[in-house]
Amino acid sequence: MERLDYLWLKWKAMGLLVFGRKAQALAVFDVMVARWPDDRYARASRAHELHAAGRTAQALLDSAELVRLQPENAHVWFNHGFMLEAHEQLEEARVALARAAELSPKLDRAWYGLGMVLIRLGRLDEAVAALKRNTELQPMSPYGWYQLARVHVDRREPEAAAKIIAHLKGFEPKVAAQLERETGLRGDARSPA
């Protein structure tokens, strides 16, 4: 009977979400967490919905509990770090994202998120390393390259930024043009930094 109750509530919440009834789905997740406090699905779903509703502080409570329940899950650490950053807890976000990258070195989102947090913390040398790792994992995504070029500009390394702009011209000319406008640099070099 317990299993049937759980499945009923899970399907009910999913149905409510399909029809855009997020507040009602959140109430179902509240019931599920109250009945099964260690249930990862209910906690993760509630954390997601709370965060989407702008209730980040409450979402962080569930997110922290998920980290406790699954300390070796890189995706849980990544989500926790993402929420911490959104809540302006930058040092805690850095720790969480670094842990996600450590647990899953190929999780490109963790490296990108770590790079972004390090930029906000003013730790540009470390941000370069994290963003370079992101671009190695996602070489055709402009986001890591864009941020890496911006960090090189902030570090007064225009040659490195110009090389990235030139690299972006090969597959993301609009992003390259945006960087040229923003930095005043031209992407004439041949290879990325």
C-alpha atoms as a PDB file:
ATOM      1  CA  MET A   1       0.000   0.000   0.000  1.00  0.00           C
ATOM      2  CA  GLU A   2       2.850   2.371   0.859  1.00  0.00           C
ATOM      3  CA  ARG A   3       4.387   1.824  -2.585  1.00  0.00           C
ATOM      4  CA  LEU A   4       1.073   2.476  -4.294  1.00  0.00           C
ATOM      5  CA  ASP A   5       0.617   5.696  -2.323  1.00  0.00           C
ATOM      6  CA  TYR A   6       4.082   6.809  -3.363  1.00  0.00           C
ATOM      7  CA  LEU A   7       3.487   6.025  -7.041  1.00  0.00           C
ATOM      8  CA  TRP A   8       0.094   7.739  -6.983  1.00  0.00           C
ATOM      9  CA  LEU A   9       1.582  10.918  -5.528  1.00  0.00           C
ATOM     10  CA  LYS A  10       4.511  10.844  -7.940  1.00  0.00           C
ATOM     11  CA  TRP A  11       2.240  10.463 -10.985  1.00  0.00           C
ATOM     12  CA  LYS A  12      -0.129  13.086  -9.624  1.00  0.00           C
ATOM     13  CA  ALA A  13       2.722  15.589  -9.275  1.00  0.00           C
ATOM     14  CA  MET A  14       3.996  14.782 -12.748  1.00  0.00           C
ATOM     15  CA  GLY A  15       0.521  15.251 -14.205  1.00  0.00           C
ATOM     16  CA  LEU A  16       0.116  18.578 -12.455  1.00  0.00           C
ATOM     17  CA  LEU A  17       3.446  19.738 -13.856  1.00  0.00           C
ATOM     18  CA  VAL A  18       2.457  18.678 -17.373  1.00  0.00           C
ATOM     19  CA  PHE A  19      -0.584  20.918 -17.108  1.00  0.00           C
ATOM     20  CA  GLY A  20       1.405  23.819 -15.640  1.00  0.00           C
ATOM     21  CA  ARG A  21      -0.100  23.569 -12.174  1.00  0.00           C
ATOM     22  CA  LYS A  22       3.182  24.077 -10.386  1.00  0.00           C
ATOM     23  CA  ALA A  23       1.820  25.265  -7.044  1.00  0.00           C
ATOM     24  CA  GLN A  24      -0.337  22.153  -6.725  1.00  0.00           C
ATOM     25  CA  ALA A  25       2.588  19.926  -7.761  1.00  0.00           C
ATOM     26  CA  LEU A  26       4.736  21.606  -5.135  1.00  0.00           C
ATOM     27  CA  ALA A  27       2.096  20.797  -2.512  1.00  0.00           C
ATOM     28  CA  VAL A  28       2.243  17.146  -3.576  1.00  0.00           C
ATOM     29  CA  PHE A  29       6.045  17.183  -3.277  1.00  0.00           C
ATOM     30  CA  ASP A  30       5.624  18.645   0.220  1.00  0.00           C
ATOM     31  CA  VAL A  31       3.439  15.668   1.157  1.00  0.00           C
ATOM     32  CA  MET A  32       5.939  13.247  -0.341  1.00  0.00           C
ATOM     33  CA  VAL A  33       8.890  14.754   1.534  1.00  0.00           C
ATOM     34  CA  ALA A  34       6.915  14.736   4.775  1.00  0.00           C
ATOM     35  CA  ARG A  35       6.138  11.028   4.343  1.00  0.00           C
ATOM     36  CA  TRP A  36       9.463   9.955   2.822  1.00  0.00           C
ATOM     37  CA  PRO A  37      12.098  12.485   3.972  1.00  0.00           C
ATOM     38  CA  ASP A  38      14.993  10.566   2.381  1.00  0.00           C
ATOM     39  CA  ASP A  39      13.340  10.172  -1.005  1.00  0.00           C
ATOM     40  CA  ARG A  40      15.674  11.668  -3.579  1.00  0.00           C
ATOM     41  CA  TYR A  41      13.060  12.130  -6.293  1.00  0.00           C
ATOM     42  CA  ALA A  42      10.691  14.080  -4.046  1.00  0.00           C
ATOM     43  CA  ARG A  43      13.489  16.236  -2.621  1.00  0.00           C
ATOM     44  CA  ALA A  44      15.047  16.967  -6.012  1.00  0.00           C
ATOM     45  CA  SER A  45      11.670  17.759  -7.562  1.00  0.00           C
ATOM     46  CA  ARG A  46      10.682  20.030  -4.709  1.00  0.00           C
ATOM     47  CA  ALA A  47      14.074  21.787  -4.778  1.00  0.00           C
ATOM     48  CA  HIS A  48      13.699  22.358  -8.517  1.00  0.00           C
ATOM     49  CA  GLU A  49      10.183  23.759  -8.228  1.00  0.00           C
ATOM     50  CA  LEU A  50      11.068  25.946  -5.252  1.00  0.00           C
ATOM     51  CA  HIS A  51      14.074  27.345  -7.098  1.00  0.00           C
ATOM     52  CA  ALA A  52      11.999  27.970 -10.237  1.00  0.00           C
ATOM     53  CA  ALA A  53       9.467  29.820  -8.086  1.00  0.00           C
ATOM     54  CA  GLY A  54      12.207  32.084  -6.731  1.00  0.00           C
ATOM     55  CA  ARG A  55      12.164  30.479  -3.306  1.00  0.00           C
ATOM     56  CA  THR A  56      15.895  29.741  -3.396  1.00  0.00           C
ATOM     57  CA  ALA A  57      16.483  29.722   0.347  1.00  0.00           C
ATOM     58  CA  GLN A  58      13.909  26.949   0.765  1.00  0.00           C
ATOM     59  CA  ALA A  59      15.245  25.123  -2.297  1.00  0.00           C
ATOM     60  CA  LEU A  60      18.714  25.182  -0.752  1.00  0.00           C
ATOM     61  CA  LEU A  61      17.455  23.255   2.272  1.00  0.00           C
ATOM     62  CA  ASP A  62      16.343  20.392   0.030  1.00  0.00           C
ATOM     63  CA  SER A  63      19.469  20.699  -2.072  1.00  0.00           C
ATOM     64  CA  ALA A  64      21.696  20.448   1.001  1.00  0.00           C
ATOM     65  CA  GLU A  65      19.760  17.399   2.121  1.00  0.00           C
ATOM     66  CA  LEU A  66      20.292  15.801  -1.297  1.00  0.00           C
ATOM     67  CA  VAL A  67      24.035  16.385  -0.953  1.00  0.00           C
ATOM     68  CA  ARG A  68      23.881  14.654   2.417  1.00  0.00           C
ATOM     69  CA  LEU A  69      21.920  11.745   0.953  1.00  0.00           C
ATOM     70  CA  GLN A  70      24.118  11.407  -2.159  1.00  0.00           C
ATOM     71  CA  PRO A  71      27.586  12.742  -1.337  1.00  0.00           C
ATOM     72  CA  GLU A  72      29.173  10.998  -4.339  1.00  0.00           C
ATOM     73  CA  ASN A  73      26.693  12.297  -6.939  1.00  0.00           C
ATOM     74  CA  ALA A  74      28.309  14.998  -9.069  1.00  0.00           C
ATOM     75  CA  HIS A  75      24.974  16.185 -10.482  1.00  0.00           C
ATOM     76  CA  VAL A  76      23.582  16.767  -6.997  1.00  0.00           C
ATOM     77  CA  TRP A  77      26.663  18.825  -6.124  1.00  0.00           C
ATOM     78  CA  PHE A  78      26.328  20.764  -9.391  1.00  0.00           C
ATOM     79  CA  ASN A  79      22.669  21.602  -8.742  1.00  0.00           C
ATOM     80  CA  HIS A  80      23.500  22.629  -5.191  1.00  0.00           C
ATOM     81  CA  GLY A  81      26.311  24.872  -6.427  1.00  0.00           C
ATOM     82  CA  PHE A  82      24.033  26.411  -9.045  1.00  0.00           C
ATOM     83  CA  MET A  83      21.462  27.278  -6.388  1.00  0.00           C
ATOM     84  CA  LEU A  84      24.108  28.585  -3.996  1.00  0.00           C
ATOM     85  CA  GLU A  85      25.408  30.922  -6.679  1.00  0.00           C
ATOM     86  CA  ALA A  86      21.883  32.141  -7.394  1.00  0.00           C
ATOM     87  CA  HIS A  87      21.553  32.880  -3.683  1.00  0.00           C
ATOM     88  CA  GLU A  88      24.855  34.829  -3.729  1.00  0.00           C
ATOM     89  CA  GLN A  89      26.665  32.297  -1.542  1.00  0.00           C
ATOM     90  CA  LEU A  90      29.685  32.348  -3.813  1.00  0.00           C
ATOM     91  CA  GLU A  91      32.308  30.624  -1.693  1.00  0.00           C
ATOM     92  CA  GLU A  92      29.917  27.799  -0.871  1.00  0.00           C
ATOM     93  CA  ALA A  93      29.003  27.591  -4.567  1.00  0.00           C
ATOM     94  CA  ARG A  94      32.692  27.360  -5.461  1.00  0.00           C
ATOM     95  CA  VAL A  95      33.156  24.447  -3.070  1.00  0.00           C
ATOM     96  CA  ALA A  96      30.077  22.626  -4.396  1.00  0.00           C
ATOM     97  CA  LEU A  97      30.987  23.116  -8.057  1.00  0.00           C
ATOM     98  CA  ALA A  98      34.597  22.090  -7.446  1.00  0.00           C
ATOM     99  CA  ARG A  99      33.299  18.940  -5.766  1.00  0.00           C
ATOM    100  CA  ALA A 100      31.053  18.225  -8.763  1.00  0.00           C
ATOM    101  CA  ALA A 101      34.023  18.638 -11.118  1.00  0.00           C
ATOM    102  CA  GLU A 102      36.163  16.429  -8.897  1.00  0.00           C
ATOM    103  CA  LEU A 103      33.542  13.671  -8.809  1.00  0.00           C
ATOM    104  CA  SER A 104      32.860  13.857 -12.537  1.00  0.00           C
ATOM    105  CA  PRO A 105      35.800  15.454 -14.369  1.00  0.00           C
ATOM    106  CA  LYS A 106      33.900  15.323 -17.673  1.00  0.00           C
ATOM    107  CA  LEU A 107      30.901  17.269 -16.368  1.00  0.00           C
ATOM    108  CA  ASP A 108      31.404  20.362 -18.513  1.00  0.00           C
ATOM    109  CA  ARG A 109      28.642  22.320 -16.767  1.00  0.00           C
ATOM    110  CA  ALA A 110      30.484  21.977 -13.458  1.00  0.00           C
ATOM    111  CA  TRP A 111      33.658  23.437 -14.948  1.00  0.00           C
ATOM    112  CA  TYR A 112      31.746  26.291 -16.555  1.00  0.00           C
ATOM    113  CA  GLY A 113      29.835  27.038 -13.352  1.00  0.00           C
ATOM    114  CA  LEU A 114      33.057  26.887 -11.361  1.00  0.00           C
ATOM    115  CA  GLY A 115      34.686  29.301 -13.789  1.00  0.00           C
ATOM    116  CA  MET A 116      31.799  31.734 -13.488  1.00  0.00           C
ATOM    117  CA  VAL A 117      31.863  31.642  -9.686  1.00  0.00           C
ATOM    118  CA  LEU A 118      35.636  32.115  -9.664  1.00  0.00           C
ATOM    119  CA  ILE A 119      35.225  35.175 -11.903  1.00  0.00           C
ATOM    120  CA  ARG A 120      32.708  36.622  -9.483  1.00  0.00           C
ATOM    121  CA  LEU A 121      35.116  35.931  -6.619  1.00  0.00           C
ATOM    122  CA  GLY A 122      37.903  37.719  -8.500  1.00  0.00           C
ATOM    123  CA  ARG A 123      40.014  34.567  -8.708  1.00  0.00           C
ATOM    124  CA  LEU A 124      40.821  34.978 -12.380  1.00  0.00           C
ATOM    125  CA  ASP A 125      43.824  32.634 -12.596  1.00  0.00           C
ATOM    126  CA  GLU A 126      41.690  29.776 -11.284  1.00  0.00           C
ATOM    127  CA  ALA A 127      38.813  30.843 -13.549  1.00  0.00           C
ATOM    128  CA  VAL A 128      41.067  30.488 -16.590  1.00  0.00           C
ATOM    129  CA  ALA A 129      41.908  26.909 -15.624  1.00  0.00           C
ATOM    130  CA  ALA A 130      38.258  25.985 -15.079  1.00  0.00           C
ATOM    131  CA  LEU A 131      37.092  27.622 -18.314  1.00  0.00           C
ATOM    132  CA  LYS A 132      39.880  25.993 -20.304  1.00  0.00           C
ATOM    133  CA  ARG A 133      38.709  22.634 -19.003  1.00  0.00           C
ATOM    134  CA  ASN A 134      35.144  23.531 -20.021  1.00  0.00           C
ATOM    135  CA  THR A 135      36.261  24.422 -23.554  1.00  0.00           C
ATOM    136  CA  GLU A 136      38.182  21.155 -23.818  1.00  0.00           C
ATOM    137  CA  LEU A 137      35.003  19.277 -22.962  1.00  0.00           C
ATOM    138  CA  GLN A 138      32.697  21.469 -25.074  1.00  0.00           C
ATOM    139  CA  PRO A 139      34.915  22.846 -27.863  1.00  0.00           C
ATOM    140  CA  MET A 140      31.997  23.914 -30.056  1.00  0.00           C
ATOM    141  CA  SER A 141      30.062  25.736 -27.354  1.00  0.00           C
ATOM    142  CA  PRO A 142      30.709  29.492 -27.425  1.00  0.00           C
ATOM    143  CA  TYR A 143      29.908  30.114 -23.752  1.00  0.00           C
ATOM    144  CA  GLY A 144      33.159  28.920 -22.230  1.00  0.00           C
ATOM    145  CA  TRP A 145      35.194  30.539 -24.995  1.00  0.00           C
ATOM    146  CA  TYR A 146      33.376  33.841 -24.545  1.00  0.00           C
ATOM    147  CA  GLN A 147      33.985  33.923 -20.797  1.00  0.00           C
ATOM    148  CA  LEU A 148      37.598  32.813 -21.238  1.00  0.00           C
ATOM    149  CA  ALA A 149      38.218  35.691 -23.655  1.00  0.00           C
ATOM    150  CA  ARG A 150      36.637  38.132 -21.197  1.00  0.00           C
ATOM    151  CA  VAL A 151      38.885  36.867 -18.397  1.00  0.00           C
ATOM    152  CA  HIS A 152      41.965  37.267 -20.609  1.00  0.00           C
ATOM    153  CA  VAL A 153      40.919  40.867 -21.273  1.00  0.00           C
ATOM    154  CA  ASP A 154      40.468  41.459 -17.538  1.00  0.00           C
ATOM    155  CA  ARG A 155      43.938  39.991 -16.934  1.00  0.00           C
ATOM    156  CA  ARG A 156      45.372  42.335 -19.585  1.00  0.00           C
ATOM    157  CA  GLU A 157      46.190  39.508 -21.971  1.00  0.00           C
ATOM    158  CA  PRO A 158      44.816  40.891 -25.252  1.00  0.00           C
ATOM    159  CA  GLU A 159      46.769  38.460 -27.439  1.00  0.00           C
ATOM    160  CA  ALA A 160      45.147  35.458 -25.768  1.00  0.00           C
ATOM    161  CA  ALA A 161      41.700  37.047 -26.095  1.00  0.00           C
ATOM    162  CA  ALA A 162      42.330  37.854 -29.778  1.00  0.00           C
ATOM    163  CA  LYS A 163      43.251  34.223 -30.438  1.00  0.00           C
ATOM    164  CA  ILE A 164      39.967  33.103 -28.913  1.00  0.00           C
ATOM    165  CA  ILE A 165      38.057  35.626 -31.019  1.00  0.00           C
ATOM    166  CA  ALA A 166      39.771  34.267 -34.133  1.00  0.00           C
ATOM    167  CA  HIS A 167      38.910  30.731 -33.062  1.00  0.00           C
ATOM    168  CA  LEU A 168      35.252  31.678 -32.529  1.00  0.00           C
ATOM    169  CA  LYS A 169      35.070  33.180 -36.009  1.00  0.00           C
ATOM    170  CA  GLY A 170      35.366  29.660 -37.351  1.00  0.00           C
ATOM    171  CA  PHE A 171      32.114  28.414 -35.804  1.00  0.00           C
ATOM    172  CA  GLU A 172      30.394  31.258 -33.926  1.00  0.00           C
ATOM    173  CA  PRO A 173      30.996  34.448 -35.921  1.00  0.00           C
ATOM    174  CA  LYS A 174      28.257  36.368 -34.096  1.00  0.00           C
ATOM    175  CA  VAL A 175      29.881  35.690 -30.721  1.00  0.00           C
ATOM    176  CA  ALA A 176      33.269  36.624 -32.173  1.00  0.00           C
ATOM    177  CA  ALA A 177      31.824  39.899 -33.500  1.00  0.00           C
ATOM    178  CA  GLN A 178      30.249  40.611 -30.109  1.00  0.00           C
ATOM    179  CA  LEU A 179      33.611  40.110 -28.402  1.00  0.00           C
ATOM    180  CA  GLU A 180      35.288  42.380 -30.944  1.00  0.00           C
ATOM    181  CA  ARG A 181      32.725  45.098 -30.201  1.00  0.00           C
ATOM    182  CA  GLU A 182      32.986  44.664 -26.438  1.00  0.00           C
ATOM    183  CA  THR A 183      36.770  44.430 -26.214  1.00  0.00           C
ATOM    184  CA  GLY A 184      37.951  46.518 -29.138  1.00  0.00           C
ATOM    185  CA  LEU A 185      40.162  43.591 -30.158  1.00  0.00           C
ATOM    186  CA  ARG A 186      40.334  41.954 -33.545  1.00  0.00           C
ATOM    187  CA  GLY A 187      40.454  38.218 -33.895  1.00  0.00           C
ATOM    188  CA  ASP A 188      43.326  37.863 -36.333  1.00  0.00           C
ATOM    189  CA  ALA A 189      45.305  35.098 -34.621  1.00  0.00           C
ATOM    190  CA  ARG A 190      44.939  31.483 -35.694  1.00  0.00           C
ATOM    191  CA  SER A 191      44.527  29.262 -32.611  1.00  0.00           C
ATOM    192  CA  PRO A 192      42.809  29.478 -29.230  1.00  0.00           C
ATOM    193  CA  ALA A 193      44.723  30.295 -26.077  1.00  0.00           C
END
